[in-house]
mmCIF file of all heavy atoms, coordinates in Angstrom:
data_MODEL
# 
_entry.id   MODEL 
# 
loop_
_atom_site.group_PDB 
_atom_site.id 
_atom_site.type_symbol 
_atom_site.label_atom_id 
_atom_site.label_alt_id 
_atom_site.label_comp_id 
_atom_site.label_asym_id 
_atom_site.label_entity_id 
_atom_site.label_seq_id 
_atom_site.pdbx_PDB_ins_code 
_atom_site.Cartn_x 
_atom_site.Cartn_y 
_atom_site.Cartn_z 
_atom_site.occupancy 
_atom_site.B_iso_or_equiv 
_atom_site.pdbx_formal_charge 
_atom_site.auth_seq_id 
_atom_site.auth_comp_id 
_atom_site.auth_asym_id 
_atom_site.auth_atom_id 
_atom_site.pdbx_PDB_model_num 
ATOM 1   N N   . HIS A 1 1  ? 105.045 97.093  122.403 1.00 0.00 ? 1  HIS A N   1 
ATOM 2   C CA  . HIS A 1 1  ? 104.151 98.276  122.182 1.00 0.00 ? 1  HIS A CA  1 
ATOM 3   C C   . HIS A 1 1  ? 104.291 98.947  120.941 1.00 0.00 ? 1  HIS A C   1 
ATOM 4   O O   . HIS A 1 1  ? 105.495 99.111  120.399 1.00 0.00 ? 1  HIS A O   1 
ATOM 5   C CB  . HIS A 1 1  ? 104.198 99.247  123.357 1.00 0.00 ? 1  HIS A CB  1 
ATOM 6   C CG  . HIS A 1 1  ? 103.572 98.782  124.577 1.00 0.00 ? 1  HIS A CG  1 
ATOM 7   N ND1 . HIS A 1 1  ? 104.191 98.934  125.816 1.00 0.00 ? 1  HIS A ND1 1 
ATOM 8   C CD2 . HIS A 1 1  ? 102.386 98.181  124.888 1.00 0.00 ? 1  HIS A CD2 1 
ATOM 9   C CE1 . HIS A 1 1  ? 103.462 98.471  126.747 1.00 0.00 ? 1  HIS A CE1 1 
ATOM 10  N NE2 . HIS A 1 1  ? 102.291 97.991  126.144 1.00 0.00 ? 1  HIS A NE2 1 
ATOM 11  N N   . CYS A 1 2  ? 103.259 99.388  120.190 1.00 0.00 ? 2  CYS A N   1 
ATOM 12  C CA  . CYS A 1 2  ? 103.373 100.248 118.941 1.00 0.00 ? 2  CYS A CA  1 
ATOM 13  C C   . CYS A 1 2  ? 104.152 101.548 119.396 1.00 0.00 ? 2  CYS A C   1 
ATOM 14  O O   . CYS A 1 2  ? 103.818 102.189 120.347 1.00 0.00 ? 2  CYS A O   1 
ATOM 15  C CB  . CYS A 1 2  ? 101.977 100.458 118.509 1.00 0.00 ? 2  CYS A CB  1 
ATOM 16  S SG  . CYS A 1 2  ? 101.957 101.654 117.023 1.00 0.00 ? 2  CYS A SG  1 
ATOM 17  N N   . ARG A 1 3  ? 105.093 101.989 118.475 1.00 0.00 ? 3  ARG A N   1 
ATOM 18  C CA  . ARG A 1 3  ? 105.861 103.123 118.677 1.00 0.00 ? 3  ARG A CA  1 
ATOM 19  C C   . ARG A 1 3  ? 105.290 104.378 118.101 1.00 0.00 ? 3  ARG A C   1 
ATOM 20  O O   . ARG A 1 3  ? 106.046 105.353 117.912 1.00 0.00 ? 3  ARG A O   1 
ATOM 21  C CB  . ARG A 1 3  ? 107.266 102.921 118.136 1.00 0.00 ? 3  ARG A CB  1 
ATOM 22  C CG  . ARG A 1 3  ? 108.075 101.781 118.943 1.00 0.00 ? 3  ARG A CG  1 
ATOM 23  C CD  . ARG A 1 3  ? 108.371 102.135 120.282 1.00 0.00 ? 3  ARG A CD  1 
ATOM 24  N NE  . ARG A 1 3  ? 109.271 101.441 120.911 1.00 0.00 ? 3  ARG A NE  1 
ATOM 25  C CZ  . ARG A 1 3  ? 109.267 100.264 121.511 1.00 0.00 ? 3  ARG A CZ  1 
ATOM 26  N NH1 . ARG A 1 3  ? 108.047 99.608  121.656 1.00 0.00 ? 3  ARG A NH1 1 
ATOM 27  N NH2 . ARG A 1 3  ? 110.312 99.626  122.108 1.00 0.00 ? 3  ARG A NH2 1 
ATOM 28  N N   . ALA A 1 4  ? 104.145 104.347 117.676 1.00 0.00 ? 4  ALA A N   1 
ATOM 29  C CA  . ALA A 1 4  ? 103.504 105.521 117.098 1.00 0.00 ? 4  ALA A CA  1 
ATOM 30  C C   . ALA A 1 4  ? 103.336 106.543 118.113 1.00 0.00 ? 4  ALA A C   1 
ATOM 31  O O   . ALA A 1 4  ? 102.671 106.328 119.117 1.00 0.00 ? 4  ALA A O   1 
ATOM 32  C CB  . ALA A 1 4  ? 102.164 105.176 116.366 1.00 0.00 ? 4  ALA A CB  1 
ATOM 33  N N   . VAL A 1 5  ? 103.877 107.769 117.897 1.00 0.00 ? 5  VAL A N   1 
ATOM 34  C CA  . VAL A 1 5  ? 103.715 108.959 118.942 1.00 0.00 ? 5  VAL A CA  1 
ATOM 35  C C   . VAL A 1 5  ? 102.367 109.526 118.740 1.00 0.00 ? 5  VAL A C   1 
ATOM 36  O O   . VAL A 1 5  ? 102.028 109.870 117.656 1.00 0.00 ? 5  VAL A O   1 
ATOM 37  C CB  . VAL A 1 5  ? 104.850 109.860 118.762 1.00 0.00 ? 5  VAL A CB  1 
ATOM 38  C CG1 . VAL A 1 5  ? 104.777 110.977 119.799 1.00 0.00 ? 5  VAL A CG1 1 
ATOM 39  C CG2 . VAL A 1 5  ? 106.239 109.161 118.876 1.00 0.00 ? 5  VAL A CG2 1 
ATOM 40  N N   . LEU A 1 6  ? 101.657 109.795 119.800 1.00 0.00 ? 6  LEU A N   1 
ATOM 41  C CA  . LEU A 1 6  ? 100.360 110.333 119.776 1.00 0.00 ? 6  LEU A CA  1 
ATOM 42  C C   . LEU A 1 6  ? 100.484 111.879 120.151 1.00 0.00 ? 6  LEU A C   1 
ATOM 43  O O   . LEU A 1 6  ? 101.488 112.261 120.674 1.00 0.00 ? 6  LEU A O   1 
ATOM 44  C CB  . LEU A 1 6  ? 99.498  109.698 120.776 1.00 0.00 ? 6  LEU A CB  1 
ATOM 45  C CG  . LEU A 1 6  ? 99.275  108.231 120.631 1.00 0.00 ? 6  LEU A CG  1 
ATOM 46  C CD1 . LEU A 1 6  ? 98.362  107.674 121.685 1.00 0.00 ? 6  LEU A CD1 1 
ATOM 47  C CD2 . LEU A 1 6  ? 98.755  107.807 119.253 1.00 0.00 ? 6  LEU A CD2 1 
ATOM 48  N N   . ASP A 1 7  ? 99.429  112.652 119.858 1.00 0.00 ? 7  ASP A N   1 
ATOM 49  C CA  . ASP A 1 7  ? 99.422  113.963 120.196 1.00 0.00 ? 7  ASP A CA  1 
ATOM 50  C C   . ASP A 1 7  ? 99.152  114.264 121.744 1.00 0.00 ? 7  ASP A C   1 
ATOM 51  O O   . ASP A 1 7  ? 99.157  115.376 122.186 1.00 0.00 ? 7  ASP A O   1 
ATOM 52  C CB  . ASP A 1 7  ? 98.323  114.797 119.393 1.00 0.00 ? 7  ASP A CB  1 
ATOM 53  C CG  . ASP A 1 7  ? 98.688  114.869 118.061 1.00 0.00 ? 7  ASP A CG  1 
ATOM 54  O OD1 . ASP A 1 7  ? 99.867  114.745 117.768 1.00 0.00 ? 7  ASP A OD1 1 
ATOM 55  O OD2 . ASP A 1 7  ? 97.805  115.148 117.176 1.00 0.00 ? 7  ASP A OD2 1 
ATOM 56  N N   . GLU A 1 8  ? 98.944  113.181 122.443 1.00 0.00 ? 8  GLU A N   1 
ATOM 57  C CA  . GLU A 1 8  ? 98.779  113.201 123.916 1.00 0.00 ? 8  GLU A CA  1 
ATOM 58  C C   . GLU A 1 8  ? 99.954  113.350 124.654 1.00 0.00 ? 8  GLU A C   1 
ATOM 59  O O   . GLU A 1 8  ? 101.041 112.954 124.247 1.00 0.00 ? 8  GLU A O   1 
ATOM 60  C CB  . GLU A 1 8  ? 97.923  112.007 124.444 1.00 0.00 ? 8  GLU A CB  1 
ATOM 61  C CG  . GLU A 1 8  ? 96.637  111.797 123.692 1.00 0.00 ? 8  GLU A CG  1 
ATOM 62  C CD  . GLU A 1 8  ? 96.010  110.463 124.090 1.00 0.00 ? 8  GLU A CD  1 
ATOM 63  O OE1 . GLU A 1 8  ? 96.119  110.151 125.362 1.00 0.00 ? 8  GLU A OE1 1 
ATOM 64  O OE2 . GLU A 1 8  ? 95.244  109.895 123.345 1.00 0.00 ? 8  GLU A OE2 1 
ATOM 65  N N   . ARG A 1 9  ? 99.905  113.979 125.854 1.00 0.00 ? 9  ARG A N   1 
ATOM 66  C CA  . ARG A 1 9  ? 101.055 114.071 126.800 1.00 0.00 ? 9  ARG A CA  1 
ATOM 67  C C   . ARG A 1 9  ? 100.588 113.388 128.140 1.00 0.00 ? 9  ARG A C   1 
ATOM 68  O O   . ARG A 1 9  ? 99.423  113.418 128.596 1.00 0.00 ? 9  ARG A O   1 
ATOM 69  C CB  . ARG A 1 9  ? 101.356 115.466 127.163 1.00 0.00 ? 9  ARG A CB  1 
ATOM 70  C CG  . ARG A 1 9  ? 101.888 116.302 125.970 1.00 0.00 ? 9  ARG A CG  1 
ATOM 71  C CD  . ARG A 1 9  ? 103.272 115.767 125.607 1.00 0.00 ? 9  ARG A CD  1 
ATOM 72  N NE  . ARG A 1 9  ? 103.650 116.520 124.512 1.00 0.00 ? 9  ARG A NE  1 
ATOM 73  C CZ  . ARG A 1 9  ? 104.926 116.444 124.024 1.00 0.00 ? 9  ARG A CZ  1 
ATOM 74  N NH1 . ARG A 1 9  ? 105.843 115.697 124.735 1.00 0.00 ? 9  ARG A NH1 1 
ATOM 75  N NH2 . ARG A 1 9  ? 105.367 117.090 122.916 1.00 0.00 ? 9  ARG A NH2 1 
ATOM 76  N N   . GLY A 1 10 ? 101.577 112.672 128.772 1.00 0.00 ? 10 GLY A N   1 
ATOM 77  C CA  . GLY A 1 10 ? 101.255 111.980 129.916 1.00 0.00 ? 10 GLY A CA  1 
ATOM 78  C C   . GLY A 1 10 ? 101.342 112.955 131.176 1.00 0.00 ? 10 GLY A C   1 
ATOM 79  O O   . GLY A 1 10 ? 101.555 114.109 131.000 1.00 0.00 ? 10 GLY A O   1 
ATOM 80  N N   . ASP A 1 11 ? 101.177 112.362 132.304 1.00 0.00 ? 11 ASP A N   1 
ATOM 81  C CA  . ASP A 1 11 ? 101.252 113.251 133.540 1.00 0.00 ? 11 ASP A CA  1 
ATOM 82  C C   . ASP A 1 11 ? 102.539 113.841 133.787 1.00 0.00 ? 11 ASP A C   1 
ATOM 83  O O   . ASP A 1 11 ? 102.689 114.957 134.260 1.00 0.00 ? 11 ASP A O   1 
ATOM 84  C CB  . ASP A 1 11 ? 100.797 112.359 134.808 1.00 0.00 ? 11 ASP A CB  1 
ATOM 85  C CG  . ASP A 1 11 ? 99.451  111.810 134.732 1.00 0.00 ? 11 ASP A CG  1 
ATOM 86  O OD1 . ASP A 1 11 ? 98.631  112.492 134.043 1.00 0.00 ? 11 ASP A OD1 1 
ATOM 87  O OD2 . ASP A 1 11 ? 99.104  110.790 135.410 1.00 0.00 ? 11 ASP A OD2 1 
ATOM 88  N N   . ASP A 1 12 ? 103.572 113.192 133.270 1.00 0.00 ? 12 ASP A N   1 
ATOM 89  C CA  . ASP A 1 12 ? 104.929 113.744 133.406 1.00 0.00 ? 12 ASP A CA  1 
ATOM 90  C C   . ASP A 1 12 ? 105.331 114.721 132.230 1.00 0.00 ? 12 ASP A C   1 
ATOM 91  O O   . ASP A 1 12 ? 106.354 115.262 132.256 1.00 0.00 ? 12 ASP A O   1 
ATOM 92  C CB  . ASP A 1 12 ? 105.984 112.576 133.364 1.00 0.00 ? 12 ASP A CB  1 
ATOM 93  C CG  . ASP A 1 12 ? 105.805 111.601 132.232 1.00 0.00 ? 12 ASP A CG  1 
ATOM 94  O OD1 . ASP A 1 12 ? 104.981 112.017 131.341 1.00 0.00 ? 12 ASP A OD1 1 
ATOM 95  O OD2 . ASP A 1 12 ? 106.578 110.680 132.195 1.00 0.00 ? 12 ASP A OD2 1 
ATOM 96  N N   . GLY A 1 13 ? 104.380 114.970 131.311 1.00 0.00 ? 13 GLY A N   1 
ATOM 97  C CA  . GLY A 1 13 ? 104.576 115.856 130.220 1.00 0.00 ? 13 GLY A CA  1 
ATOM 98  C C   . GLY A 1 13 ? 105.226 115.258 129.025 1.00 0.00 ? 13 GLY A C   1 
ATOM 99  O O   . GLY A 1 13 ? 105.520 116.026 128.107 1.00 0.00 ? 13 GLY A O   1 
ATOM 100 N N   . LEU A 1 14 ? 105.612 114.006 129.120 1.00 0.00 ? 14 LEU A N   1 
ATOM 101 C CA  . LEU A 1 14 ? 106.203 113.306 128.028 1.00 0.00 ? 14 LEU A CA  1 
ATOM 102 C C   . LEU A 1 14 ? 105.217 112.732 126.974 1.00 0.00 ? 14 LEU A C   1 
ATOM 103 O O   . LEU A 1 14 ? 104.099 112.506 127.286 1.00 0.00 ? 14 LEU A O   1 
ATOM 104 C CB  . LEU A 1 14 ? 107.223 112.217 128.505 1.00 0.00 ? 14 LEU A CB  1 
ATOM 105 C CG  . LEU A 1 14 ? 108.330 112.678 129.371 1.00 0.00 ? 14 LEU A CG  1 
ATOM 106 C CD1 . LEU A 1 14 ? 109.145 111.455 129.928 1.00 0.00 ? 14 LEU A CD1 1 
ATOM 107 C CD2 . LEU A 1 14 ? 109.329 113.670 128.524 1.00 0.00 ? 14 LEU A CD2 1 
ATOM 108 N N   . ALA A 1 15 ? 105.668 112.547 125.826 1.00 0.00 ? 15 ALA A N   1 
ATOM 109 C CA  . ALA A 1 15 ? 104.862 112.057 124.796 1.00 0.00 ? 15 ALA A CA  1 
ATOM 110 C C   . ALA A 1 15 ? 104.326 110.632 125.203 1.00 0.00 ? 15 ALA A C   1 
ATOM 111 O O   . ALA A 1 15 ? 104.820 109.967 125.870 1.00 0.00 ? 15 ALA A O   1 
ATOM 112 C CB  . ALA A 1 15 ? 105.633 111.935 123.358 1.00 0.00 ? 15 ALA A CB  1 
ATOM 113 N N   . MET A 1 16 ? 103.106 110.247 124.513 1.00 0.00 ? 16 MET A N   1 
ATOM 114 C CA  . MET A 1 16 ? 102.532 108.976 124.721 1.00 0.00 ? 16 MET A CA  1 
ATOM 115 C C   . MET A 1 16 ? 102.626 108.100 123.451 1.00 0.00 ? 16 MET A C   1 
ATOM 116 O O   . MET A 1 16 ? 102.541 108.726 122.327 1.00 0.00 ? 16 MET A O   1 
ATOM 117 C CB  . MET A 1 16 ? 101.071 109.163 125.108 1.00 0.00 ? 16 MET A CB  1 
ATOM 118 C CG  . MET A 1 16 ? 100.836 110.017 126.179 1.00 0.00 ? 16 MET A CG  1 
ATOM 119 S SD  . MET A 1 16 ? 101.118 109.038 127.793 1.00 0.00 ? 16 MET A SD  1 
ATOM 120 C CE  . MET A 1 16 ? 99.552  108.167 127.933 1.00 0.00 ? 16 MET A CE  1 
ATOM 121 N N   . PHE A 1 17 ? 102.825 106.895 123.604 1.00 0.00 ? 17 PHE A N   1 
ATOM 122 C CA  . PHE A 1 17 ? 102.865 106.000 122.430 1.00 0.00 ? 17 PHE A CA  1 
ATOM 123 C C   . PHE A 1 17 ? 101.477 105.299 122.295 1.00 0.00 ? 17 PHE A C   1 
ATOM 124 O O   . PHE A 1 17 ? 100.666 105.297 123.227 1.00 0.00 ? 17 PHE A O   1 
ATOM 125 C CB  . PHE A 1 17 ? 103.874 104.870 122.664 1.00 0.00 ? 17 PHE A CB  1 
ATOM 126 C CG  . PHE A 1 17 ? 105.352 105.420 122.301 1.00 0.00 ? 17 PHE A CG  1 
ATOM 127 C CD1 . PHE A 1 17 ? 106.288 105.261 123.342 1.00 0.00 ? 17 PHE A CD1 1 
ATOM 128 C CD2 . PHE A 1 17 ? 105.742 105.915 121.105 1.00 0.00 ? 17 PHE A CD2 1 
ATOM 129 C CE1 . PHE A 1 17 ? 107.589 105.610 123.022 1.00 0.00 ? 17 PHE A CE1 1 
ATOM 130 C CE2 . PHE A 1 17 ? 106.970 106.395 120.914 1.00 0.00 ? 17 PHE A CE2 1 
ATOM 131 C CZ  . PHE A 1 17 ? 107.934 106.298 121.945 1.00 0.00 ? 17 PHE A CZ  1 
ATOM 132 N N   . CYS A 1 18 ? 101.264 104.777 121.089 1.00 0.00 ? 18 CYS A N   1 
ATOM 133 C CA  . CYS A 1 18 ? 99.939  104.093 120.844 1.00 0.00 ? 18 CYS A CA  1 
ATOM 134 C C   . CYS A 1 18 ? 99.651  103.001 121.953 1.00 0.00 ? 18 CYS A C   1 
ATOM 135 O O   . CYS A 1 18 ? 98.567  103.018 122.305 1.00 0.00 ? 18 CYS A O   1 
ATOM 136 C CB  . CYS A 1 18 ? 99.939  103.581 119.452 1.00 0.00 ? 18 CYS A CB  1 
ATOM 137 S SG  . CYS A 1 18 ? 98.577  102.397 119.076 1.00 0.00 ? 18 CYS A SG  1 
ATOM 138 N N   . GLY A 1 19 ? 100.579 102.098 122.103 1.00 0.00 ? 19 GLY A N   1 
ATOM 139 C CA  . GLY A 1 19 ? 100.318 101.035 123.084 1.00 0.00 ? 19 GLY A CA  1 
ATOM 140 C C   . GLY A 1 19 ? 99.702  99.750  122.591 1.00 0.00 ? 19 GLY A C   1 
ATOM 141 O O   . GLY A 1 19 ? 99.759  98.797  123.393 1.00 0.00 ? 19 GLY A O   1 
ATOM 142 N N   . ALA A 1 20 ? 99.195  99.801  121.338 1.00 0.00 ? 20 ALA A N   1 
ATOM 143 C CA  . ALA A 1 20 ? 98.782  98.486  120.813 1.00 0.00 ? 20 ALA A CA  1 
ATOM 144 C C   . ALA A 1 20 ? 99.795  97.515  120.578 1.00 0.00 ? 20 ALA A C   1 
ATOM 145 O O   . ALA A 1 20 ? 101.013 97.932  120.547 1.00 0.00 ? 20 ALA A O   1 
ATOM 146 C CB  . ALA A 1 20 ? 97.949  98.754  119.544 1.00 0.00 ? 20 ALA A CB  1 
ATOM 147 N N   . LYS A 1 21 ? 99.523  96.267  120.390 1.00 0.00 ? 21 LYS A N   1 
ATOM 148 C CA  . LYS A 1 21 ? 100.598 95.306  120.115 1.00 0.00 ? 21 LYS A CA  1 
ATOM 149 C C   . LYS A 1 21 ? 101.088 95.504  118.686 1.00 0.00 ? 21 LYS A C   1 
ATOM 150 O O   . LYS A 1 21 ? 100.312 95.692  117.749 1.00 0.00 ? 21 LYS A O   1 
ATOM 151 C CB  . LYS A 1 21 ? 99.990  93.904  120.188 1.00 0.00 ? 21 LYS A CB  1 
ATOM 152 C CG  . LYS A 1 21 ? 101.003 92.844  120.098 1.00 0.00 ? 21 LYS A CG  1 
ATOM 153 C CD  . LYS A 1 21 ? 100.500 91.442  120.294 1.00 0.00 ? 21 LYS A CD  1 
ATOM 154 C CE  . LYS A 1 21 ? 101.548 90.399  120.110 1.00 0.00 ? 21 LYS A CE  1 
ATOM 155 N NZ  . LYS A 1 21 ? 101.058 88.986  120.082 1.00 0.00 ? 21 LYS A NZ  1 
ATOM 156 N N   . LYS A 1 22 ? 102.461 95.569  118.542 1.00 0.00 ? 22 LYS A N   1 
ATOM 157 C CA  . LYS A 1 22 ? 102.990 95.985  117.259 1.00 0.00 ? 22 LYS A CA  1 
ATOM 158 C C   . LYS A 1 22 ? 102.959 94.772  116.365 1.00 0.00 ? 22 LYS A C   1 
ATOM 159 O O   . LYS A 1 22 ? 103.023 93.536  116.751 1.00 0.00 ? 22 LYS A O   1 
ATOM 160 C CB  . LYS A 1 22 ? 104.415 96.520  117.511 1.00 0.00 ? 22 LYS A CB  1 
ATOM 161 C CG  . LYS A 1 22 ? 105.495 95.600  117.899 1.00 0.00 ? 22 LYS A CG  1 
ATOM 162 C CD  . LYS A 1 22 ? 106.836 96.413  118.023 1.00 0.00 ? 22 LYS A CD  1 
ATOM 163 C CE  . LYS A 1 22 ? 107.973 95.508  118.210 1.00 0.00 ? 22 LYS A CE  1 
ATOM 164 N NZ  . LYS A 1 22 ? 109.191 96.164  118.168 1.00 0.00 ? 22 LYS A NZ  1 
ATOM 165 N N   . ARG A 1 23 ? 102.915 95.067  115.021 1.00 0.00 ? 23 ARG A N   1 
ATOM 166 C CA  . ARG A 1 23 ? 102.938 94.068  114.011 1.00 0.00 ? 23 ARG A CA  1 
ATOM 167 C C   . ARG A 1 23 ? 104.332 93.316  113.933 1.00 0.00 ? 23 ARG A C   1 
ATOM 168 O O   . ARG A 1 23 ? 105.398 93.964  114.149 1.00 0.00 ? 23 ARG A O   1 
ATOM 169 C CB  . ARG A 1 23 ? 102.680 94.823  112.706 1.00 0.00 ? 23 ARG A CB  1 
ATOM 170 C CG  . ARG A 1 23 ? 102.579 93.912  111.446 1.00 0.00 ? 23 ARG A CG  1 
ATOM 171 C CD  . ARG A 1 23 ? 102.343 94.800  110.264 1.00 0.00 ? 23 ARG A CD  1 
ATOM 172 N NE  . ARG A 1 23 ? 102.721 94.013  109.062 1.00 0.00 ? 23 ARG A NE  1 
ATOM 173 C CZ  . ARG A 1 23 ? 102.563 94.402  107.944 1.00 0.00 ? 23 ARG A CZ  1 
ATOM 174 N NH1 . ARG A 1 23 ? 101.908 95.516  107.744 1.00 0.00 ? 23 ARG A NH1 1 
ATOM 175 N NH2 . ARG A 1 23 ? 103.028 93.756  106.932 1.00 0.00 ? 23 ARG A NH2 1 
ATOM 176 N N   . LEU A 1 24 ? 104.382 92.140  113.571 1.00 0.00 ? 24 LEU A N   1 
ATOM 177 C CA  . LEU A 1 24 ? 105.591 91.361  113.465 1.00 0.00 ? 24 LEU A CA  1 
ATOM 178 C C   . LEU A 1 24 ? 106.438 91.976  112.393 1.00 0.00 ? 24 LEU A C   1 
ATOM 179 O O   . LEU A 1 24 ? 106.016 92.206  111.264 1.00 0.00 ? 24 LEU A O   1 
ATOM 180 C CB  . LEU A 1 24 ? 105.289 89.801  113.077 1.00 0.00 ? 24 LEU A CB  1 
ATOM 181 C CG  . LEU A 1 24 ? 106.519 88.945  113.027 1.00 0.00 ? 24 LEU A CG  1 
ATOM 182 C CD1 . LEU A 1 24 ? 107.132 88.810  114.428 1.00 0.00 ? 24 LEU A CD1 1 
ATOM 183 C CD2 . LEU A 1 24 ? 106.161 87.611  112.498 1.00 0.00 ? 24 LEU A CD2 1 
ATOM 184 N N   . GLY A 1 25 ? 107.696 92.322  112.745 1.00 0.00 ? 25 GLY A N   1 
ATOM 185 C CA  . GLY A 1 25 ? 108.690 92.908  111.795 1.00 0.00 ? 25 GLY A CA  1 
ATOM 186 C C   . GLY A 1 25 ? 108.540 94.394  111.592 1.00 0.00 ? 25 GLY A C   1 
ATOM 187 O O   . GLY A 1 25 ? 109.202 94.975  110.756 1.00 0.00 ? 25 GLY A O   1 
ATOM 188 N N   . SER A 1 26 ? 107.686 95.028  112.450 1.00 0.00 ? 26 SER A N   1 
ATOM 189 C CA  . SER A 1 26 ? 107.421 96.494  112.315 1.00 0.00 ? 26 SER A CA  1 
ATOM 190 C C   . SER A 1 26 ? 107.511 97.045  113.750 1.00 0.00 ? 26 SER A C   1 
ATOM 191 O O   . SER A 1 26 ? 107.508 96.462  114.729 1.00 0.00 ? 26 SER A O   1 
ATOM 192 C CB  . SER A 1 26 ? 106.020 96.721  111.782 1.00 0.00 ? 26 SER A CB  1 
ATOM 193 O OG  . SER A 1 26 ? 105.804 98.126  111.751 1.00 0.00 ? 26 SER A OG  1 
ATOM 194 N N   . SER A 1 27 ? 107.632 98.413  113.865 1.00 0.00 ? 27 SER A N   1 
ATOM 195 C CA  . SER A 1 27 ? 107.648 99.158  114.970 1.00 0.00 ? 27 SER A CA  1 
ATOM 196 C C   . SER A 1 27 ? 106.235 99.600  115.353 1.00 0.00 ? 27 SER A C   1 
ATOM 197 O O   . SER A 1 27 ? 106.173 100.207 116.363 1.00 0.00 ? 27 SER A O   1 
ATOM 198 C CB  . SER A 1 27 ? 108.449 100.379 114.899 1.00 0.00 ? 27 SER A CB  1 
ATOM 199 O OG  . SER A 1 27 ? 109.921 100.004 114.683 1.00 0.00 ? 27 SER A OG  1 
ATOM 200 N N   . TRP A 1 28 ? 105.218 99.309  114.445 1.00 0.00 ? 28 TRP A N   1 
ATOM 201 C CA  . TRP A 1 28 ? 103.960 99.823  114.672 1.00 0.00 ? 28 TRP A CA  1 
ATOM 202 C C   . TRP A 1 28 ? 102.898 98.736  114.725 1.00 0.00 ? 28 TRP A C   1 
ATOM 203 O O   . TRP A 1 28 ? 103.124 97.725  114.111 1.00 0.00 ? 28 TRP A O   1 
ATOM 204 C CB  . TRP A 1 28 ? 103.675 100.906 113.647 1.00 0.00 ? 28 TRP A CB  1 
ATOM 205 C CG  . TRP A 1 28 ? 104.633 102.003 113.501 1.00 0.00 ? 28 TRP A CG  1 
ATOM 206 C CD1 . TRP A 1 28 ? 105.063 102.900 114.435 1.00 0.00 ? 28 TRP A CD1 1 
ATOM 207 C CD2 . TRP A 1 28 ? 105.578 102.164 112.407 1.00 0.00 ? 28 TRP A CD2 1 
ATOM 208 N NE1 . TRP A 1 28 ? 106.037 103.630 114.001 1.00 0.00 ? 28 TRP A NE1 1 
ATOM 209 C CE2 . TRP A 1 28 ? 106.417 103.268 112.675 1.00 0.00 ? 28 TRP A CE2 1 
ATOM 210 C CE3 . TRP A 1 28 ? 105.644 101.582 111.187 1.00 0.00 ? 28 TRP A CE3 1 
ATOM 211 C CZ2 . TRP A 1 28 ? 107.372 103.790 111.909 1.00 0.00 ? 28 TRP A CZ2 1 
ATOM 212 C CZ3 . TRP A 1 28 ? 106.613 102.050 110.451 1.00 0.00 ? 28 TRP A CZ3 1 
ATOM 213 C CH2 . TRP A 1 28 ? 107.463 103.091 110.742 1.00 0.00 ? 28 TRP A CH2 1 
ATOM 214 N N   . CYS A 1 29 ? 101.791 99.135  115.181 1.00 0.00 ? 29 CYS A N   1 
ATOM 215 C CA  . CYS A 1 29 ? 100.583 98.129  115.088 1.00 0.00 ? 29 CYS A CA  1 
ATOM 216 C C   . CYS A 1 29 ? 100.095 98.137  113.746 1.00 0.00 ? 29 CYS A C   1 
ATOM 217 O O   . CYS A 1 29 ? 100.554 98.947  112.942 1.00 0.00 ? 29 CYS A O   1 
ATOM 218 C CB  . CYS A 1 29 ? 99.548  98.703  116.064 1.00 0.00 ? 29 CYS A CB  1 
ATOM 219 S SG  . CYS A 1 29 ? 98.830  100.299 115.694 1.00 0.00 ? 29 CYS A SG  1 
# 
């Protein structure tokens, strides 16, 4: 999963990550 932190919060109140498939050699999509 992409590690980009979004401005959204989950039901537990914790941050949400982008969730897209990350790029090869990177932490992000």
